[in-house]
Amino acid sequence: MRQYQKQTNELEKVICNCCGRELKVERGILKEGACRLETGWGYFSNKDMEKHSFDLCEACYDQWISGFSVPVEITEETEFFPAADGEEDA
């Protein structure tokens, strides 16, 4: 869950939706590893026309994916430029 400062829209707080821990944010920048998931549900879903989003701390992410039947695909990056809110990763 993310909270933003009303006047500047600067990131104020990030809370892991799984464990409830507040993640470290300094001057609007998230200062630790986290997973942000946003998905829109379409016509063939029971959640048609809903958008869901949540944040997971790294520990909760690791616990979550450890239960997957098919492991996540992992590739090495030489540079990392996180997408701004509202943008998708390329």
PDB file of N, CA and C in Angstrom:
ATOM      1  N   MET A   1       0.846  -1.166   0.000  1.00  0.00           N
ATOM      2  CA  MET A   1       0.000   0.000   0.000  1.00  0.00           C
ATOM      3  C   MET A   1       0.893   1.231   0.000  1.00  0.00           C
ATOM      4  N   ARG A   2       0.562   2.181  -0.824  1.00  0.00           N
ATOM      5  CA  ARG A   2       1.353   3.406  -0.931  1.00  0.00           C
ATOM      6  C   ARG A   2       0.520   4.608  -0.524  1.00  0.00           C
ATOM      7  N   GLN A   3       1.187   5.517   0.161  1.00  0.00           N
ATOM      8  CA  GLN A   3       0.563   6.789   0.527  1.00  0.00           C
ATOM      9  C   GLN A   3       1.439   7.908  -0.007  1.00  0.00           C
ATOM     10  N   TYR A   4       0.781   8.948  -0.534  1.00  0.00           N
ATOM     11  CA  TYR A   4       1.482  10.072  -1.134  1.00  0.00           C
ATOM     12  C   TYR A   4       1.125  11.359  -0.407  1.00  0.00           C
ATOM     13  N   GLN A   5       2.070  12.301  -0.374  1.00  0.00           N
ATOM     14  CA  GLN A   5       1.845  13.619   0.209  1.00  0.00           C
ATOM     15  C   GLN A   5       0.854  14.345  -0.693  1.00  0.00           C
ATOM     16  N   LYS A   6      -0.163  14.954  -0.100  1.00  0.00           N
ATOM     17  CA  LYS A   6      -1.268  15.520  -0.882  1.00  0.00           C
ATOM     18  C   LYS A   6      -0.846  16.664  -1.804  1.00  0.00           C
ATOM     19  N   GLN A   7      -0.062  17.626  -1.313  1.00  0.00           N
ATOM     20  CA  GLN A   7       0.286  18.785  -2.140  1.00  0.00           C
ATOM     21  C   GLN A   7       1.300  18.451  -3.234  1.00  0.00           C
ATOM     22  N   THR A   8       2.307  17.657  -2.922  1.00  0.00           N
ATOM     23  CA  THR A   8       3.403  17.407  -3.869  1.00  0.00           C
ATOM     24  C   THR A   8       3.294  16.062  -4.579  1.00  0.00           C
ATOM     25  N   ASN A   9       2.415  15.202  -4.122  1.00  0.00           N
ATOM     26  CA  ASN A   9       2.265  13.840  -4.647  1.00  0.00           C
ATOM     27  C   ASN A   9       3.546  13.018  -4.479  1.00  0.00           C
ATOM     28  N   GLU A  10       4.382  13.412  -3.509  1.00  0.00           N
ATOM     29  CA  GLU A  10       5.614  12.680  -3.220  1.00  0.00           C
ATOM     30  C   GLU A  10       5.288  11.437  -2.396  1.00  0.00           C
ATOM     31  N   LEU A  11       5.972  10.343  -2.706  1.00  0.00           N
ATOM     32  CA  LEU A  11       5.785   9.100  -1.965  1.00  0.00           C
ATOM     33  C   LEU A  11       6.128   9.329  -0.500  1.00  0.00           C
ATOM     34  N   GLU A  12       5.195   8.997   0.379  1.00  0.00           N
ATOM     35  CA  GLU A  12       5.365   9.225   1.815  1.00  0.00           C
ATOM     36  C   GLU A  12       5.591   7.926   2.579  1.00  0.00           C
ATOM     37  N   LYS A  13       4.851   6.893   2.182  1.00  0.00           N
ATOM     38  CA  LYS A  13       4.860   5.658   2.955  1.00  0.00           C
ATOM     39  C   LYS A  13       4.548   4.480   2.044  1.00  0.00           C
ATOM     40  N   VAL A  14       5.256   3.357   2.278  1.00  0.00           N
ATOM     41  CA  VAL A  14       4.956   2.094   1.602  1.00  0.00           C
ATOM     42  C   VAL A  14       4.819   1.043   2.690  1.00  0.00           C
ATOM     43  N   ILE A  15       3.711   0.334   2.680  1.00  0.00           N
ATOM     44  CA  ILE A  15       3.443  -0.707   3.670  1.00  0.00           C
ATOM     45  C   ILE A  15       3.249  -2.023   2.928  1.00  0.00           C
ATOM     46  N   CYS A  16       3.926  -3.069   3.396  1.00  0.00           N
ATOM     47  CA  CYS A  16       3.762  -4.393   2.800  1.00  0.00           C
ATOM     48  C   CYS A  16       2.334  -4.865   3.061  1.00  0.00           C
ATOM     49  N   ASN A  17       1.614  -5.180   2.003  1.00  0.00           N
ATOM     50  CA  ASN A  17       0.236  -5.632   2.143  1.00  0.00           C
ATOM     51  C   ASN A  17       0.127  -7.000   2.796  1.00  0.00           C
ATOM     52  N   CYS A  18       1.221  -7.764   2.831  1.00  0.00           N
ATOM     53  CA  CYS A  18       1.181  -9.101   3.415  1.00  0.00           C
ATOM     54  C   CYS A  18       1.449  -9.068   4.923  1.00  0.00           C
ATOM     55  N   CYS A  19       2.588  -8.528   5.331  1.00  0.00           N
ATOM     56  CA  CYS A  19       2.968  -8.564   6.752  1.00  0.00           C
ATOM     57  C   CYS A  19       2.672  -7.263   7.497  1.00  0.00           C
ATOM     58  N   GLY A  20       2.381  -6.182   6.766  1.00  0.00           N
ATOM     59  CA  GLY A  20       2.051  -4.914   7.396  1.00  0.00           C
ATOM     60  C   GLY A  20       3.247  -4.058   7.784  1.00  0.00           C
ATOM     61  N   ARG A  21       4.454  -4.504   7.443  1.00  0.00           N
ATOM     62  CA  ARG A  21       5.650  -3.746   7.817  1.00  0.00           C
ATOM     63  C   ARG A  21       5.771  -2.501   6.945  1.00  0.00           C
ATOM     64  N   GLU A  22       6.148  -1.380   7.586  1.00  0.00           N
ATOM     65  CA  GLU A  22       6.397  -0.152   6.847  1.00  0.00           C
ATOM     66  C   GLU A  22       7.812  -0.189   6.283  1.00  0.00           C
ATOM     67  N   LEU A  23       7.928   0.030   4.987  1.00  0.00           N
ATOM     68  CA  LEU A  23       9.219   0.006   4.320  1.00  0.00           C
ATOM     69  C   LEU A  23       9.868   1.385   4.399  1.00  0.00           C
ATOM     70  N   LYS A  24      11.181   1.416   4.260  1.00  0.00           N
ATOM     71  CA  LYS A  24      11.939   2.654   4.415  1.00  0.00           C
ATOM     72  C   LYS A  24      11.772   3.553   3.187  1.00  0.00           C
ATOM     73  N   VAL A  25      11.268   4.777   3.427  1.00  0.00           N
ATOM     74  CA  VAL A  25      11.118   5.790   2.387  1.00  0.00           C
ATOM     75  C   VAL A  25      11.820   7.049   2.878  1.00  0.00           C
ATOM     76  N   GLU A  26      12.703   7.604   2.046  1.00  0.00           N
ATOM     77  CA  GLU A  26      13.390   8.856   2.364  1.00  0.00           C
ATOM     78  C   GLU A  26      13.223   9.824   1.206  1.00  0.00           C
ATOM     79  N   ARG A  27      12.735  11.018   1.504  1.00  0.00           N
ATOM     80  CA  ARG A  27      12.567  12.075   0.500  1.00  0.00           C
ATOM     81  C   ARG A  27      11.842  11.576  -0.746  1.00  0.00           C
ATOM     82  N   GLY A  28      10.819  10.778  -0.531  1.00  0.00           N
ATOM     83  CA  GLY A  28       9.996  10.298  -1.634  1.00  0.00           C
ATOM     84  C   GLY A  28      10.552   9.115  -2.394  1.00  0.00           C
ATOM     85  N   ILE A  29      11.668   8.541  -1.905  1.00  0.00           N
ATOM     86  CA  ILE A  29      12.304   7.420  -2.599  1.00  0.00           C
ATOM     87  C   ILE A  29      12.265   6.180  -1.717  1.00  0.00           C
ATOM     88  N   LEU A  30      11.756   5.092  -2.261  1.00  0.00           N
ATOM     89  CA  LEU A  30      11.737   3.813  -1.555  1.00  0.00           C
ATOM     90  C   LEU A  30      13.161   3.299  -1.469  1.00  0.00           C
ATOM     91  N   LYS A  31      13.646   3.055  -0.251  1.00  0.00           N
ATOM     92  CA  LYS A  31      15.054   2.728  -0.021  1.00  0.00           C
ATOM     93  C   LYS A  31      15.293   1.264   0.317  1.00  0.00           C
ATOM     94  N   GLU A  32      14.399   0.373  -0.064  1.00  0.00           N
ATOM     95  CA  GLU A  32      14.640  -1.059   0.102  1.00  0.00           C
ATOM     96  C   GLU A  32      13.861  -1.828  -0.957  1.00  0.00           C
ATOM     97  N   GLY A  33      14.252  -3.081  -1.135  1.00  0.00           N
ATOM     98  CA  GLY A  33      13.623  -3.900  -2.156  1.00  0.00           C
ATOM     99  C   GLY A  33      12.157  -4.153  -1.865  1.00  0.00           C
ATOM    100  N   ALA A  34      11.342  -4.025  -2.894  1.00  0.00           N
ATOM    101  CA  ALA A  34       9.911  -4.266  -2.761  1.00  0.00           C
ATOM    102  C   ALA A  34       9.358  -4.681  -4.116  1.00  0.00           C
ATOM    103  N   CYS A  35       8.256  -5.376  -4.085  1.00  0.00           N
ATOM    104  CA  CYS A  35       7.564  -5.787  -5.304  1.00  0.00           C
ATOM    105  C   CYS A  35       6.239  -5.032  -5.364  1.00  0.00           C
ATOM    106  N   ARG A  36       6.031  -4.286  -6.438  1.00  0.00           N
ATOM    107  CA  ARG A  36       4.773  -3.581  -6.677  1.00  0.00           C
ATOM    108  C   ARG A  36       4.044  -4.328  -7.782  1.00  0.00           C
ATOM    109  N   LEU A  37       2.830  -4.775  -7.503  1.00  0.00           N
ATOM    110  CA  LEU A  37       2.048  -5.468  -8.514  1.00  0.00           C
ATOM    111  C   LEU A  37       0.774  -4.682  -8.778  1.00  0.00           C
ATOM    112  N   GLU A  38       0.508  -4.413 -10.042  1.00  0.00           N
ATOM    113  CA  GLU A  38      -0.732  -3.768 -10.463  1.00  0.00           C
ATOM    114  C   GLU A  38      -1.300  -4.585 -11.610  1.00  0.00           C
ATOM    115  N   THR A  39      -2.568  -4.921 -11.524  1.00  0.00           N
ATOM    116  CA  THR A  39      -3.197  -5.657 -12.620  1.00  0.00           C
ATOM    117  C   THR A  39      -4.640  -5.208 -12.792  1.00  0.00           C
ATOM    118  N   GLY A  40      -5.050  -5.149 -14.024  1.00  0.00           N
ATOM    119  CA  GLY A  40      -6.441  -4.860 -14.343  1.00  0.00           C
ATOM    120  C   GLY A  40      -7.116  -6.146 -14.784  1.00  0.00           C
ATOM    121  N   TRP A  41      -8.281  -6.393 -14.247  1.00  0.00           N
ATOM    122  CA  TRP A  41      -9.006  -7.618 -14.571  1.00  0.00           C
ATOM    123  C   TRP A  41      -9.966  -7.331 -15.714  1.00  0.00           C
ATOM    124  N   GLY A  42     -10.018  -8.242 -16.681  1.00  0.00           N
ATOM    125  CA  GLY A  42     -10.807  -8.033 -17.885  1.00  0.00           C
ATOM    126  C   GLY A  42     -12.108  -8.810 -17.914  1.00  0.00           C
ATOM    127  N   TYR A  43     -12.673  -8.863 -19.098  1.00  0.00           N
ATOM    128  CA  TYR A  43     -14.010  -9.407 -19.314  1.00  0.00           C
ATOM    129  C   TYR A  43     -14.179 -10.859 -18.901  1.00  0.00           C
ATOM    130  N   PHE A  44     -13.144 -11.656 -18.986  1.00  0.00           N
ATOM    131  CA  PHE A  44     -13.278 -13.088 -18.720  1.00  0.00           C
ATOM    132  C   PHE A  44     -12.939 -13.440 -17.277  1.00  0.00           C
ATOM    133  N   SER A  45     -12.961 -12.459 -16.405  1.00  0.00           N
ATOM    134  CA  SER A  45     -12.632 -12.643 -14.994  1.00  0.00           C
ATOM    135  C   SER A  45     -13.859 -12.370 -14.134  1.00  0.00           C
ATOM    136  N   ASN A  46     -13.878 -12.956 -12.959  1.00  0.00           N
ATOM    137  CA  ASN A  46     -14.930 -12.629 -11.988  1.00  0.00           C
ATOM    138  C   ASN A  46     -14.711 -11.246 -11.376  1.00  0.00           C
ATOM    139  N   LYS A  47     -13.561 -10.644 -11.646  1.00  0.00           N
ATOM    140  CA  LYS A  47     -13.234  -9.307 -11.140  1.00  0.00           C
ATOM    141  C   LYS A  47     -13.279  -8.278 -12.275  1.00  0.00           C
ATOM    142  N   ASP A  48     -14.098  -8.529 -13.266  1.00  0.00           N
ATOM    143  CA  ASP A  48     -14.203  -7.696 -14.460  1.00  0.00           C
ATOM    144  C   ASP A  48     -14.240  -6.212 -14.112  1.00  0.00           C
ATOM    145  N   MET A  49     -13.359  -5.451 -14.762  1.00  0.00           N
ATOM    146  CA  MET A  49     -13.280  -3.991 -14.649  1.00  0.00           C
ATOM    147  C   MET A  49     -12.747  -3.512 -13.297  1.00  0.00           C
ATOM    148  N   GLU A  50     -12.078  -4.377 -12.544  1.00  0.00           N
ATOM    149  CA  GLU A  50     -11.419  -3.972 -11.303  1.00  0.00           C
ATOM    150  C   GLU A  50      -9.922  -3.877 -11.546  1.00  0.00           C
ATOM    151  N   LYS A  51      -9.281  -2.931 -10.862  1.00  0.00           N
ATOM    152  CA  LYS A  51      -7.827  -2.826 -10.881  1.00  0.00           C
ATOM    153  C   LYS A  51      -7.342  -3.117  -9.469  1.00  0.00           C
ATOM    154  N   HIS A  52      -6.422  -4.054  -9.328  1.00  0.00           N
ATOM    155  CA  HIS A  52      -5.858  -4.414  -8.030  1.00  0.00           C
ATOM    156  C   HIS A  52      -4.388  -4.012  -8.017  1.00  0.00           C
ATOM    157  N   SER A  53      -3.917  -3.522  -6.880  1.00  0.00           N
ATOM    158  CA  SER A  53      -2.501  -3.201  -6.726  1.00  0.00           C
ATOM    159  C   SER A  53      -2.097  -3.465  -5.286  1.00  0.00           C
ATOM    160  N   PHE A  54      -0.845  -3.903  -5.123  1.00  0.00           N
ATOM    161  CA  PHE A  54      -0.315  -4.116  -3.781  1.00  0.00           C
ATOM    162  C   PHE A  54       1.200  -4.088  -3.807  1.00  0.00           C
ATOM    163  N   ASP A  55       1.776  -3.934  -2.618  1.00  0.00           N
ATOM    164  CA  ASP A  55       3.223  -3.921  -2.429  1.00  0.00           C
ATOM    165  C   ASP A  55       3.599  -5.038  -1.471  1.00  0.00           C
ATOM    166  N   LEU A  56       4.717  -5.707  -1.768  1.00  0.00           N
ATOM    167  CA  LEU A  56       5.249  -6.743  -0.884  1.00  0.00           C
ATOM    168  C   LEU A  56       6.692  -6.409  -0.547  1.00  0.00           C
ATOM    169  N   CYS A  57       7.064  -6.589   0.727  1.00  0.00           N
ATOM    170  CA  CYS A  57       8.472  -6.479   1.087  1.00  0.00           C
ATOM    171  C   CYS A  57       9.197  -7.673   0.467  1.00  0.00           C
ATOM    172  N   GLU A  58      10.513  -7.611   0.442  1.00  0.00           N
ATOM    173  CA  GLU A  58      11.280  -8.678  -0.210  1.00  0.00           C
ATOM    174  C   GLU A  58      11.071 -10.034   0.463  1.00  0.00           C
ATOM    175  N   ALA A  59      10.974 -10.047   1.790  1.00  0.00           N
ATOM    176  CA  ALA A  59      10.779 -11.316   2.511  1.00  0.00           C
ATOM    177  C   ALA A  59       9.433 -11.948   2.162  1.00  0.00           C
ATOM    178  N   CYS A  60       8.377 -11.145   2.105  1.00  0.00           N
ATOM    179  CA  CYS A  60       7.056 -11.681   1.758  1.00  0.00           C
ATOM    180  C   CYS A  60       7.008 -12.119   0.297  1.00  0.00           C
ATOM    181  N   TYR A  61       7.681 -11.386  -0.575  1.00  0.00           N
ATOM    182  CA  TYR A  61       7.771 -11.794  -1.977  1.00  0.00           C
ATOM    183  C   TYR A  61       8.443 -13.160  -2.090  1.00  0.00           C
ATOM    184  N   ASP A  62       9.581 -13.323  -1.391  1.00  0.00           N
ATOM    185  CA  ASP A  62      10.301 -14.597  -1.434  1.00  0.00           C
ATOM    186  C   ASP A  62       9.435 -15.740  -0.915  1.00  0.00           C
ATOM    187  N   GLN A  63       8.695 -15.482   0.157  1.00  0.00           N
ATOM    188  CA  GLN A  63       7.810 -16.508   0.714  1.00  0.00           C
ATOM    189  C   GLN A  63       6.693 -16.848  -0.277  1.00  0.00           C
ATOM    190  N   TRP A  64       6.123 -15.829  -0.905  1.00  0.00           N
ATOM    191  CA  TRP A  64       5.037 -16.011  -1.864  1.00  0.00           C
ATOM    192  C   TRP A  64       5.489 -16.863  -3.042  1.00  0.00           C
ATOM    193  N   ILE A  65       6.615 -16.494  -3.677  1.00  0.00           N
ATOM    194  CA  ILE A  65       7.036 -17.218  -4.876  1.00  0.00           C
ATOM    195  C   ILE A  65       7.578 -18.610  -4.564  1.00  0.00           C
ATOM    196  N   SER A  66       7.967 -18.858  -3.321  1.00  0.00           N
ATOM    197  CA  SER A  66       8.462 -20.196  -2.964  1.00  0.00           C
ATOM    198  C   SER A  66       7.359 -21.250  -3.086  1.00  0.00           C
ATOM    199  N   GLY A  67       6.104 -20.822  -3.069  1.00  0.00           N
ATOM    200  CA  GLY A  67       4.985 -21.744  -3.201  1.00  0.00           C
ATOM    201  C   GLY A  67       4.518 -21.956  -4.634  1.00  0.00           C
ATOM    202  N   PHE A  68       5.148 -21.297  -5.603  1.00  0.00           N
ATOM    203  CA  PHE A  68       4.750 -21.437  -7.003  1.00  0.00           C
ATOM    204  C   PHE A  68       5.106 -22.831  -7.520  1.00  0.00           C
ATOM    205  N   SER A  69       4.239 -23.422  -8.322  1.00  0.00           N
ATOM    206  CA  SER A  69       4.525 -24.705  -8.971  1.00  0.00           C
ATOM    207  C   SER A  69       5.577 -24.546 -10.063  1.00  0.00           C
ATOM    208  N   VAL A  70       5.514 -23.436 -10.765  1.00  0.00           N
ATOM    209  CA  VAL A  70       6.489 -23.114 -11.808  1.00  0.00           C
ATOM    210  C   VAL A  70       7.293 -21.921 -11.299  1.00  0.00           C
ATOM    211  N   PRO A  71       8.615 -22.039 -11.227  1.00  0.00           N
ATOM    212  CA  PRO A  71       9.406 -20.944 -10.666  1.00  0.00           C
ATOM    213  C   PRO A  71       9.351 -19.687 -11.532  1.00  0.00           C
ATOM    214  N   VAL A  72       9.568 -18.541 -10.891  1.00  0.00           N
ATOM    215  CA  VAL A  72       9.607 -17.279 -11.623  1.00  0.00           C
ATOM    216  C   VAL A  72      10.821 -17.273 -12.539  1.00  0.00           C
ATOM    217  N   GLU A  73      10.722 -16.511 -13.598  1.00  0.00           N
ATOM    218  CA  GLU A  73      11.845 -16.361 -14.528  1.00  0.00           C
ATOM    219  C   GLU A  73      12.746 -15.253 -13.997  1.00  0.00           C
ATOM    220  N   ILE A  74      14.015 -15.546 -13.822  1.00  0.00           N
ATOM    221  CA  ILE A  74      14.970 -14.582 -13.274  1.00  0.00           C
ATOM    222  C   ILE A  74      16.060 -14.330 -14.306  1.00  0.00           C
ATOM    223  N   THR A  75      16.301 -13.052 -14.605  1.00  0.00           N
ATOM    224  CA  THR A  75      17.389 -12.664 -15.492  1.00  0.00           C
ATOM    225  C   THR A  75      18.227 -11.610 -14.790  1.00  0.00           C
ATOM    226  N   GLU A  76      19.499 -11.527 -15.146  1.00  0.00           N
ATOM    227  CA  GLU A  76      20.393 -10.523 -14.570  1.00  0.00           C
ATOM    228  C   GLU A  76      20.254  -9.214 -15.343  1.00  0.00           C
ATOM    229  N   GLU A  77      20.282  -8.099 -14.631  1.00  0.00           N
ATOM    230  CA  GLU A  77      20.220  -6.772 -15.228  1.00  0.00           C
ATOM    231  C   GLU A  77      21.566  -6.085 -15.032  1.00  0.00           C
ATOM    232  N   THR A  78      22.019  -5.345 -16.043  1.00  0.00           N
ATOM    233  CA  THR A  78      23.248  -4.573 -15.871  1.00  0.00           C
ATOM    234  C   THR A  78      22.943  -3.180 -15.338  1.00  0.00           C
ATOM    235  N   GLU A  79      21.753  -2.675 -15.632  1.00  0.00           N
ATOM    236  CA  GLU A  79      21.289  -1.402 -15.094  1.00  0.00           C
ATOM    237  C   GLU A  79      19.825  -1.574 -14.741  1.00  0.00           C
ATOM    238  N   PHE A  80      19.384  -0.797 -13.759  1.00  0.00           N
ATOM    239  CA  PHE A  80      17.996  -0.916 -13.336  1.00  0.00           C
ATOM    240  C   PHE A  80      17.381   0.463 -13.237  1.00  0.00           C
ATOM    241  N   PHE A  81      16.331   0.671 -14.001  1.00  0.00           N
ATOM    242  CA  PHE A  81      15.589   1.916 -13.967  1.00  0.00           C
ATOM    243  C   PHE A  81      14.139   1.568 -13.671  1.00  0.00           C
ATOM    244  N   PRO A  82      13.731   1.641 -12.402  1.00  0.00           N
ATOM    245  CA  PRO A  82      12.343   1.273 -12.083  1.00  0.00           C
ATOM    246  C   PRO A  82      11.360   2.197 -12.787  1.00  0.00           C
ATOM    247  N   ALA A  83      10.257   1.636 -13.211  1.00  0.00           N
ATOM    248  CA  ALA A  83       9.211   2.419 -13.858  1.00  0.00           C
ATOM    249  C   ALA A  83       8.591   3.361 -12.844  1.00  0.00           C
ATOM    250  N   ALA A  84       8.272   4.567 -13.284  1.00  0.00           N
ATOM    251  CA  ALA A  84       7.558   5.509 -12.426  1.00  0.00           C
ATOM    252  C   ALA A  84       6.145   4.985 -12.234  1.00  0.00           C
ATOM    253  N   ASP A  85       5.485   5.403 -11.155  1.00  0.00           N
ATOM    254  CA  ASP A  85       4.114   4.961 -10.916  1.00  0.00           C
ATOM    255  C   ASP A  85       3.255   5.276 -12.131  1.00  0.00           C
ATOM    256  N   GLY A  86       2.459   4.312 -12.521  1.00  0.00           N
ATOM    257  CA  GLY A  86       1.581   4.485 -13.658  1.00  0.00           C
ATOM    258  C   GLY A  86       2.200   4.044 -14.973  1.00  0.00           C
ATOM    259  N   GLU A  87       3.510   3.751 -14.980  1.00  0.00           N
ATOM    260  CA  GLU A  87       4.171   3.274 -16.186  1.00  0.00           C
ATOM    261  C   GLU A  87       4.426   1.787 -16.055  1.00  0.00           C
ATOM    262  N   GLU A  88       4.496   1.113 -17.180  1.00  0.00           N
ATOM    263  CA  GLU A  88       4.823  -0.311 -17.167  1.00  0.00           C
ATOM    264  C   GLU A  88       6.294  -0.484 -17.466  1.00  0.00           C
ATOM    265  N   ASP A  89       6.878  -1.566 -16.936  1.00  0.00           N
ATOM    266  CA  ASP A  89       8.263  -1.884 -17.254  1.00  0.00           C
ATOM    267  C   ASP A  89       8.365  -2.250 -18.726  1.00  0.00           C
ATOM    268  N   ALA A  90       9.475  -1.881 -19.347  1.00  0.00           N
ATOM    269  CA  ALA A  90       9.679  -2.207 -20.766  1.00  0.00           C
ATOM    270  C   ALA A  90      10.207  -3.611 -20.917  1.00  0.00           C
TER     271      ALA A  90
END
